[in-house]
Amino acid sequence: MDLGLKDKVAFVAASSSGLGKASAIELAREGAHVIMCARNEEALEAAKMEVDAVGEGEVLAIQGDLSSTTDINRIVKTTLSHYLAVDILVTNTGGPPTGKFEDLDQDEWDKAYRQLLASATQLIKGFLPGMKQRPWGRIISITSQAVKQPVENLILSNAIRVSVVGLMKTLASELGPYNITVNNVMPGYTETPRLKSLIEAKPSFSKAAETVPLGRFGQPEEFAAAVAFLASERASYITGVSLAVDGGWIKSVL
């Protein structure tokens, strides 16, 4: 299936590892030009080499911290100085710390807000004018299965990622007239560094695969395939949805 992504410009946030890197690889494989960003410059350069190896499009890597307003402004400015506009925006960050409500202080709540919600709103504000001018765009947020079914010991993620879904659902209505689709993708338990850290923090997480109907953890490339499809021309009539890539873990009917 031709997804119609050749020569599209895709910005993938937090793409030095995990689901972000897998999404960047998949979009590059489909022929897109890819802009990557991450805090760790060494890891980012290593990931850039991986993405470079699979596609024919250009790959640009920009170091920066998505919890910093100053860094995001610089990242957006650098991107738009290289390309006139971004066609596809994938918002994403690493997960916030684990813990129960009484374990977490206000500073940790504030950091999680900046990391998960403020970073998404600022990136969208930066790249939206170019999408509206075309008019064409894809905005995809990497959230979590926790927005539909909370995960034990992840109260920061459970609470704040739901706000991201509310943002994206509202934007789907506002931006539909500009031919811009806005969707969420909800990863389940996927074999990434984040899952490894959760298992290290709480060894019982290693048994989480037993709660998945497919009986295993997901692979990053399985998740990335869903991101690439939602970014594609083929997904032109899909907007405002939260797509689970969780092996059937979420038990709700809707």
C-alpha atoms as a PDB file:
ATOM      1  CA  MET A   1       0.000   0.000   0.000  1.00  0.00           C
ATOM      2  CA  ASP A   2       1.347   3.401  -1.000  1.00  0.00           C
ATOM      3  CA  LEU A   3       0.767   5.704   1.973  1.00  0.00           C
ATOM      4  CA  GLY A   4       1.505   8.840  -0.046  1.00  0.00           C
ATOM      5  CA  LEU A   5       4.232  10.032   2.324  1.00  0.00           C
ATOM      6  CA  LYS A   6       7.053  10.482  -0.166  1.00  0.00           C
ATOM      7  CA  ASP A   7       8.656  13.925   0.313  1.00  0.00           C
ATOM      8  CA  LYS A   8       6.292  14.875   3.129  1.00  0.00           C
ATOM      9  CA  VAL A   9       8.042  16.669   6.003  1.00  0.00           C
ATOM     10  CA  ALA A  10       7.548  14.961   9.365  1.00  0.00           C
ATOM     11  CA  PHE A  11       8.610  16.228  12.782  1.00  0.00           C
ATOM     12  CA  VAL A  12       8.848  13.498  15.432  1.00  0.00           C
ATOM     13  CA  ALA A  13       9.393  14.641  19.006  1.00  0.00           C
ATOM     14  CA  ALA A  14      11.495  12.691  21.526  1.00  0.00           C
ATOM     15  CA  SER A  15      12.782  10.410  18.783  1.00  0.00           C
ATOM     16  CA  SER A  16      16.171   9.223  20.004  1.00  0.00           C
ATOM     17  CA  SER A  17      14.714   5.965  21.355  1.00  0.00           C
ATOM     18  CA  GLY A  18      11.551   3.980  21.925  1.00  0.00           C
ATOM     19  CA  LEU A  19       8.302   4.751  20.162  1.00  0.00           C
ATOM     20  CA  GLY A  20       9.524   8.101  18.853  1.00  0.00           C
ATOM     21  CA  LYS A  21      12.514   6.557  17.125  1.00  0.00           C
ATOM     22  CA  ALA A  22      10.404   3.713  15.741  1.00  0.00           C
ATOM     23  CA  SER A  23       7.930   6.245  14.321  1.00  0.00           C
ATOM     24  CA  ALA A  24      10.743   8.260  12.736  1.00  0.00           C
ATOM     25  CA  ILE A  25      12.144   5.104  11.129  1.00  0.00           C
ATOM     26  CA  GLU A  26       8.751   4.094   9.733  1.00  0.00           C
ATOM     27  CA  LEU A  27       8.034   7.534   8.297  1.00  0.00           C
ATOM     28  CA  ALA A  28      11.494   7.651   6.717  1.00  0.00           C
ATOM     29  CA  ARG A  29      10.949   4.196   5.255  1.00  0.00           C
ATOM     30  CA  GLU A  30       7.783   5.546   3.603  1.00  0.00           C
ATOM     31  CA  GLY A  31       9.780   8.319   1.918  1.00  0.00           C
ATOM     32  CA  ALA A  32       9.251  11.266   4.272  1.00  0.00           C
ATOM     33  CA  HIS A  33      11.864  13.823   5.269  1.00  0.00           C
ATOM     34  CA  VAL A  34      12.200  13.508   9.041  1.00  0.00           C
ATOM     35  CA  ILE A  35      13.126  16.012  11.739  1.00  0.00           C
ATOM     36  CA  MET A  36      14.115  14.393  15.028  1.00  0.00           C
ATOM     37  CA  CYS A  37      14.677  15.922  18.442  1.00  0.00           C
ATOM     38  CA  ALA A  38      15.761  14.721  21.885  1.00  0.00           C
ATOM     39  CA  ARG A  39      17.626  15.915  24.960  1.00  0.00           C
ATOM     40  CA  ASN A  40      20.619  13.588  24.713  1.00  0.00           C
ATOM     41  CA  GLU A  41      22.713  14.682  21.739  1.00  0.00           C
ATOM     42  CA  GLU A  42      24.780  11.501  21.564  1.00  0.00           C
ATOM     43  CA  ALA A  43      21.714   9.260  21.561  1.00  0.00           C
ATOM     44  CA  LEU A  44      20.031  11.548  19.042  1.00  0.00           C
ATOM     45  CA  GLU A  45      22.936  11.346  16.601  1.00  0.00           C
ATOM     46  CA  ALA A  46      23.003   7.551  16.901  1.00  0.00           C
ATOM     47  CA  ALA A  47      19.267   7.391  16.202  1.00  0.00           C
ATOM     48  CA  LYS A  48      19.661   9.773  13.249  1.00  0.00           C
ATOM     49  CA  MET A  49      22.108   7.321  11.670  1.00  0.00           C
ATOM     50  CA  GLU A  50      19.523   4.536  12.008  1.00  0.00           C
ATOM     51  CA  VAL A  51      16.816   6.653  10.385  1.00  0.00           C
ATOM     52  CA  ASP A  52      19.189   7.798   7.641  1.00  0.00           C
ATOM     53  CA  ALA A  53      19.893   4.181   6.764  1.00  0.00           C
ATOM     54  CA  VAL A  54      16.287   3.225   5.945  1.00  0.00           C
ATOM     55  CA  GLY A  55      14.956   6.076   3.811  1.00  0.00           C
ATOM     56  CA  GLU A  56      15.817   8.251   0.860  1.00  0.00           C
ATOM     57  CA  GLY A  57      14.589  11.491   2.426  1.00  0.00           C
ATOM     58  CA  GLU A  58      16.621  13.981   4.430  1.00  0.00           C
ATOM     59  CA  VAL A  59      16.986  13.526   8.194  1.00  0.00           C
ATOM     60  CA  LEU A  60      17.568  16.520  10.467  1.00  0.00           C
ATOM     61  CA  ALA A  61      18.420  16.109  14.176  1.00  0.00           C
ATOM     62  CA  ILE A  62      17.933  18.989  16.646  1.00  0.00           C
ATOM     63  CA  GLN A  63      18.984  18.654  20.265  1.00  0.00           C
ATOM     64  CA  GLY A  64      16.624  20.143  22.850  1.00  0.00           C
ATOM     65  CA  ASP A  65      14.554  19.603  25.994  1.00  0.00           C
ATOM     66  CA  LEU A  66      10.811  19.509  25.325  1.00  0.00           C
ATOM     67  CA  SER A  67      10.042  20.580  28.889  1.00  0.00           C
ATOM     68  CA  SER A  68      11.797  23.910  28.148  1.00  0.00           C
ATOM     69  CA  THR A  69       9.825  26.678  26.445  1.00  0.00           C
ATOM     70  CA  THR A  70      13.070  28.227  25.229  1.00  0.00           C
ATOM     71  CA  ASP A  71      14.277  24.963  23.708  1.00  0.00           C
ATOM     72  CA  ILE A  72      10.975  24.300  21.943  1.00  0.00           C
ATOM     73  CA  ASN A  73      10.994  27.790  20.422  1.00  0.00           C
ATOM     74  CA  ARG A  74      14.524  27.162  19.160  1.00  0.00           C
ATOM     75  CA  ILE A  75      13.603  23.726  17.794  1.00  0.00           C
ATOM     76  CA  VAL A  76      10.590  25.114  15.910  1.00  0.00           C
ATOM     77  CA  LYS A  77      12.604  28.062  14.558  1.00  0.00           C
ATOM     78  CA  THR A  78      15.441  25.770  13.391  1.00  0.00           C
ATOM     79  CA  THR A  79      12.984  23.430  11.691  1.00  0.00           C
ATOM     80  CA  LEU A  80      11.146  26.230   9.874  1.00  0.00           C
ATOM     81  CA  SER A  81      14.406  27.786   8.746  1.00  0.00           C
ATOM     82  CA  HIS A  82      15.182  24.497   7.011  1.00  0.00           C
ATOM     83  CA  TYR A  83      11.689  23.724   5.692  1.00  0.00           C
ATOM     84  CA  LEU A  84       8.892  26.147   4.883  1.00  0.00           C
ATOM     85  CA  ALA A  85       6.398  24.036   6.816  1.00  0.00           C
ATOM     86  CA  VAL A  86       5.889  20.704   8.504  1.00  0.00           C
ATOM     87  CA  ASP A  87       3.270  18.360   7.049  1.00  0.00           C
ATOM     88  CA  ILE A  88       3.216  15.814   9.866  1.00  0.00           C
ATOM     89  CA  LEU A  89       3.706  16.533  13.559  1.00  0.00           C
ATOM     90  CA  VAL A  90       4.110  13.652  16.006  1.00  0.00           C
ATOM     91  CA  THR A  91       4.038  14.934  19.583  1.00  0.00           C
ATOM     92  CA  ASN A  92       5.733  12.718  22.117  1.00  0.00           C
ATOM     93  CA  THR A  93       7.811  12.802  25.295  1.00  0.00           C
ATOM     94  CA  GLY A  94       9.222  10.329  27.738  1.00  0.00           C
ATOM     95  CA  GLY A  95       6.984   9.214  30.571  1.00  0.00           C
ATOM     96  CA  PRO A  96       6.889  10.997  33.948  1.00  0.00           C
ATOM     97  CA  PRO A  97       8.055   9.332  37.184  1.00  0.00           C
ATOM     98  CA  THR A  98       6.150   6.485  38.755  1.00  0.00           C
ATOM     99  CA  GLY A  99       4.498   6.839  42.148  1.00  0.00           C
ATOM    100  CA  LYS A 100       1.252   7.060  44.052  1.00  0.00           C
ATOM    101  CA  PHE A 101      -0.524  10.361  44.805  1.00  0.00           C
ATOM    102  CA  GLU A 102       1.007  10.916  48.237  1.00  0.00           C
ATOM    103  CA  ASP A 103       4.517  10.128  46.957  1.00  0.00           C
ATOM    104  CA  LEU A 104       4.577  13.074  44.538  1.00  0.00           C
ATOM    105  CA  ASP A 105       5.067  16.756  45.344  1.00  0.00           C
ATOM    106  CA  GLN A 106       3.742  19.776  43.450  1.00  0.00           C
ATOM    107  CA  ASP A 107       7.013  20.287  41.598  1.00  0.00           C
ATOM    108  CA  GLU A 108       6.697  16.810  40.091  1.00  0.00           C
ATOM    109  CA  TRP A 109       3.123  17.594  38.995  1.00  0.00           C
ATOM    110  CA  ASP A 110       4.304  20.860  37.407  1.00  0.00           C
ATOM    111  CA  LYS A 111       7.146  19.074  35.591  1.00  0.00           C
ATOM    112  CA  ALA A 112       4.759  16.415  34.285  1.00  0.00           C
ATOM    113  CA  TYR A 113       2.397  19.116  32.990  1.00  0.00           C
ATOM    114  CA  ARG A 114       5.230  20.838  31.114  1.00  0.00           C
ATOM    115  CA  GLN A 115       6.534  17.535  29.800  1.00  0.00           C
ATOM    116  CA  LEU A 116       3.269  16.004  28.612  1.00  0.00           C
ATOM    117  CA  LEU A 117       0.774  18.777  27.848  1.00  0.00           C
ATOM    118  CA  ALA A 118       2.648  22.080  27.493  1.00  0.00           C
ATOM    119  CA  SER A 119       5.185  20.558  25.101  1.00  0.00           C
ATOM    120  CA  ALA A 120       2.384  19.356  22.815  1.00  0.00           C
ATOM    121  CA  THR A 121       0.548  22.685  22.792  1.00  0.00           C
ATOM    122  CA  GLN A 122       3.733  24.626  22.073  1.00  0.00           C
ATOM    123  CA  LEU A 123       4.816  22.373  19.205  1.00  0.00           C
ATOM    124  CA  ILE A 124       1.348  22.543  17.665  1.00  0.00           C
ATOM    125  CA  LYS A 125       1.297  26.346  17.942  1.00  0.00           C
ATOM    126  CA  GLY A 126       4.690  26.487  16.246  1.00  0.00           C
ATOM    127  CA  PHE A 127       3.858  24.288  13.269  1.00  0.00           C
ATOM    128  CA  LEU A 128       0.128  24.889  12.813  1.00  0.00           C
ATOM    129  CA  PRO A 129       0.345  28.113  10.722  1.00  0.00           C
ATOM    130  CA  GLY A 130       2.214  26.296   7.944  1.00  0.00           C
ATOM    131  CA  MET A 131      -0.310  23.466   7.899  1.00  0.00           C
ATOM    132  CA  LYS A 132      -3.245  25.880   7.716  1.00  0.00           C
ATOM    133  CA  GLN A 133      -1.631  27.840   4.904  1.00  0.00           C
ATOM    134  CA  ARG A 134      -1.274  24.754   2.650  1.00  0.00           C
ATOM    135  CA  PRO A 135      -4.008  23.594   3.774  1.00  0.00           C
ATOM    136  CA  TRP A 136      -2.960  20.035   4.729  1.00  0.00           C
ATOM    137  CA  GLY A 137      -1.637  18.435   7.868  1.00  0.00           C
ATOM    138  CA  ARG A 138      -1.458  15.524  10.234  1.00  0.00           C
ATOM    139  CA  ILE A 139      -1.106  15.989  13.991  1.00  0.00           C
ATOM    140  CA  ILE A 140      -0.593  12.768  15.920  1.00  0.00           C
ATOM    141  CA  SER A 141      -0.061  12.529  19.653  1.00  0.00           C
ATOM    142  CA  ILE A 142       1.623   9.532  21.238  1.00  0.00           C
ATOM    143  CA  THR A 143      -0.281   9.092  24.497  1.00  0.00           C
ATOM    144  CA  SER A 144      -0.805   5.863  26.462  1.00  0.00           C
ATOM    145  CA  GLN A 145      -3.310   3.113  27.103  1.00  0.00           C
ATOM    146  CA  ALA A 146      -3.595   4.794  30.522  1.00  0.00           C
ATOM    147  CA  VAL A 147      -5.907   7.466  29.073  1.00  0.00           C
ATOM    148  CA  LYS A 148      -8.606   4.797  28.687  1.00  0.00           C
ATOM    149  CA  GLN A 149      -7.705   2.507  31.583  1.00  0.00           C
ATOM    150  CA  PRO A 150      -5.426   3.863  34.334  1.00  0.00           C
ATOM    151  CA  VAL A 151      -2.256   1.926  35.100  1.00  0.00           C
ATOM    152  CA  GLU A 152      -1.307   1.278  38.707  1.00  0.00           C
ATOM    153  CA  ASN A 153       1.489   3.466  40.131  1.00  0.00           C
ATOM    154  CA  LEU A 154       1.404   5.866  37.149  1.00  0.00           C
ATOM    155  CA  ILE A 155      -0.856   8.620  38.481  1.00  0.00           C
ATOM    156  CA  LEU A 156       1.025  11.451  36.733  1.00  0.00           C
ATOM    157  CA  SER A 157       0.658   9.780  33.346  1.00  0.00           C
ATOM    158  CA  ASN A 158      -2.916   8.665  34.069  1.00  0.00           C
ATOM    159  CA  ALA A 159      -4.015  12.188  34.962  1.00  0.00           C
ATOM    160  CA  ILE A 160      -2.174  14.467  32.565  1.00  0.00           C
ATOM    161  CA  ARG A 161      -2.229  12.405  29.372  1.00  0.00           C
ATOM    162  CA  VAL A 162      -6.029  12.570  29.487  1.00  0.00           C
ATOM    163  CA  SER A 163      -5.671  16.347  29.065  1.00  0.00           C
ATOM    164  CA  VAL A 164      -3.686  15.754  25.880  1.00  0.00           C
ATOM    165  CA  VAL A 165      -6.547  13.658  24.518  1.00  0.00           C
ATOM    166  CA  GLY A 166      -8.998  16.477  25.342  1.00  0.00           C
ATOM    167  CA  LEU A 167      -6.763  18.944  23.525  1.00  0.00           C
ATOM    168  CA  MET A 168      -6.492  16.768  20.442  1.00  0.00           C
ATOM    169  CA  LYS A 169     -10.205  15.956  20.299  1.00  0.00           C
ATOM    170  CA  THR A 170     -11.017  19.676  20.419  1.00  0.00           C
ATOM    171  CA  LEU A 171      -8.423  20.498  17.770  1.00  0.00           C
ATOM    172  CA  ALA A 172      -9.905  17.847  15.471  1.00  0.00           C
ATOM    173  CA  SER A 173     -13.098  19.957  15.324  1.00  0.00           C
ATOM    174  CA  GLU A 174     -11.291  23.267  15.003  1.00  0.00           C
ATOM    175  CA  LEU A 175      -8.872  22.170  12.286  1.00  0.00           C
ATOM    176  CA  GLY A 176     -11.078  19.949  10.160  1.00  0.00           C
ATOM    177  CA  PRO A 177     -11.970  22.861   7.804  1.00  0.00           C
ATOM    178  CA  TYR A 178      -8.252  23.207   7.030  1.00  0.00           C
ATOM    179  CA  ASN A 179      -7.873  19.564   5.963  1.00  0.00           C
ATOM    180  CA  ILE A 180      -5.801  18.841   9.064  1.00  0.00           C
ATOM    181  CA  THR A 181      -6.489  15.601  10.898  1.00  0.00           C
ATOM    182  CA  VAL A 182      -5.745  15.267  14.607  1.00  0.00           C
ATOM    183  CA  ASN A 183      -5.472  11.890  16.307  1.00  0.00           C
ATOM    184  CA  ASN A 184      -4.012  10.086  19.312  1.00  0.00           C
ATOM    185  CA  VAL A 185      -2.253   6.751  19.322  1.00  0.00           C
ATOM    186  CA  MET A 186      -2.330   4.859  22.605  1.00  0.00           C
ATOM    187  CA  PRO A 187       0.552   2.418  23.038  1.00  0.00           C
ATOM    188  CA  GLY A 188       0.149  -0.531  25.329  1.00  0.00           C
ATOM    189  CA  TYR A 189       2.971  -2.428  26.974  1.00  0.00           C
ATOM    190  CA  THR A 190       5.689  -2.162  24.345  1.00  0.00           C
ATOM    191  CA  GLU A 191       9.312  -3.278  24.571  1.00  0.00           C
ATOM    192  CA  THR A 192      10.991   0.102  24.986  1.00  0.00           C
ATOM    193  CA  PRO A 193      13.454   1.618  27.474  1.00  0.00           C
ATOM    194  CA  ARG A 194      10.424   3.090  29.277  1.00  0.00           C
ATOM    195  CA  LEU A 195       8.963  -0.365  29.903  1.00  0.00           C
ATOM    196  CA  LYS A 196      12.351  -1.595  31.080  1.00  0.00           C
ATOM    197  CA  SER A 197      12.524   1.249  33.605  1.00  0.00           C
ATOM    198  CA  LEU A 198       9.015   0.472  34.854  1.00  0.00           C
ATOM    199  CA  ILE A 199       9.969  -3.153  35.384  1.00  0.00           C
ATOM    200  CA  GLU A 200      13.128  -2.100  37.234  1.00  0.00           C
ATOM    201  CA  ALA A 201      11.075   0.201  39.477  1.00  0.00           C
ATOM    202  CA  LYS A 202       8.450  -2.456  40.101  1.00  0.00           C
ATOM    203  CA  PRO A 203       9.463  -6.019  39.098  1.00  0.00           C
ATOM    204  CA  SER A 204       5.822  -7.171  39.015  1.00  0.00           C
ATOM    205  CA  PHE A 205       5.481  -5.144  35.778  1.00  0.00           C
ATOM    206  CA  SER A 206       7.310  -8.024  34.090  1.00  0.00           C
ATOM    207  CA  LYS A 207       4.087 -10.030  34.402  1.00  0.00           C
ATOM    208  CA  ALA A 208       2.070  -7.392  32.547  1.00  0.00           C
ATOM    209  CA  ALA A 209       2.249  -9.427  29.332  1.00  0.00           C
ATOM    210  CA  GLU A 210      -0.029 -11.966  31.013  1.00  0.00           C
ATOM    211  CA  THR A 211      -2.807  -9.338  31.081  1.00  0.00           C
ATOM    212  CA  VAL A 212      -2.611  -8.757  27.311  1.00  0.00           C
ATOM    213  CA  PRO A 213      -4.983 -10.916  25.210  1.00  0.00           C
ATOM    214  CA  LEU A 214      -2.251 -11.463  22.604  1.00  0.00           C
ATOM    215  CA  GLY A 215      -0.042 -12.765  25.414  1.00  0.00           C
ATOM    216  CA  ARG A 216       3.046 -10.657  24.778  1.00  0.00           C
ATOM    217  CA  PHE A 217       4.522  -7.175  24.837  1.00  0.00           C
ATOM    218  CA  GLY A 218       4.281  -5.159  21.628  1.00  0.00           C
ATOM    219  CA  GLN A 219       7.204  -4.240  19.411  1.00  0.00           C
ATOM    220  CA  PRO A 220       7.991  -0.581  18.621  1.00  0.00           C
ATOM    221  CA  GLU A 221       7.673  -1.167  14.887  1.00  0.00           C
ATOM    222  CA  GLU A 222       4.114  -2.495  15.373  1.00  0.00           C
ATOM    223  CA  PHE A 223       3.177   0.780  17.036  1.00  0.00           C
ATOM    224  CA  ALA A 224       5.016   2.850  14.418  1.00  0.00           C
ATOM    225  CA  ALA A 225       2.985   1.255  11.627  1.00  0.00           C
ATOM    226  CA  ALA A 226      -0.175   2.780  13.128  1.00  0.00           C
ATOM    227  CA  VAL A 227       1.472   6.208  13.333  1.00  0.00           C
ATOM    228  CA  ALA A 228       2.537   6.029   9.688  1.00  0.00           C
ATOM    229  CA  PHE A 229      -0.960   5.051   8.587  1.00  0.00           C
ATOM    230  CA  LEU A 230      -2.604   7.947  10.457  1.00  0.00           C
ATOM    231  CA  ALA A 231      -0.023  10.272   8.879  1.00  0.00           C
ATOM    232  CA  SER A 232      -0.861   9.034   5.407  1.00  0.00           C
ATOM    233  CA  GLU A 233      -3.124  10.106   2.573  1.00  0.00           C
ATOM    234  CA  ARG A 234      -5.057   6.861   3.118  1.00  0.00           C
ATOM    235  CA  ALA A 235      -6.200   8.091   6.557  1.00  0.00           C
ATOM    236  CA  SER A 236      -7.701  11.320   5.203  1.00  0.00           C
ATOM    237  CA  TYR A 237     -11.146  10.722   6.783  1.00  0.00           C
ATOM    238  CA  ILE A 238      -9.935   9.672  10.220  1.00  0.00           C
ATOM    239  CA  THR A 239      -9.752  12.465  12.796  1.00  0.00           C
ATOM    240  CA  GLY A 240     -10.478  12.900  16.487  1.00  0.00           C
ATOM    241  CA  VAL A 241      -9.837   9.262  17.340  1.00  0.00           C
ATOM    242  CA  SER A 242      -7.694   7.578  19.984  1.00  0.00           C
ATOM    243  CA  LEU A 243      -6.310   4.400  18.445  1.00  0.00           C
ATOM    244  CA  ALA A 244      -5.123   1.702  20.826  1.00  0.00           C
ATOM    245  CA  VAL A 245      -2.098  -0.369  19.834  1.00  0.00           C
ATOM    246  CA  ASP A 246      -2.182  -2.488  22.954  1.00  0.00           C
ATOM    247  CA  GLY A 247      -2.731  -6.112  21.997  1.00  0.00           C
ATOM    248  CA  GLY A 248      -6.300  -5.875  23.335  1.00  0.00           C
ATOM    249  CA  TRP A 249      -5.332  -4.798  26.883  1.00  0.00           C
ATOM    250  CA  ILE A 250      -7.966  -2.032  27.215  1.00  0.00           C
ATOM    251  CA  LYS A 251     -11.200  -3.659  28.327  1.00  0.00           C
ATOM    252  CA  SER A 252     -13.676  -0.829  27.627  1.00  0.00           C
ATOM    253  CA  VAL A 253     -16.229  -1.302  24.846  1.00  0.00           C
ATOM    254  CA  LEU A 254     -15.774   2.255  23.482  1.00  0.00           C
END
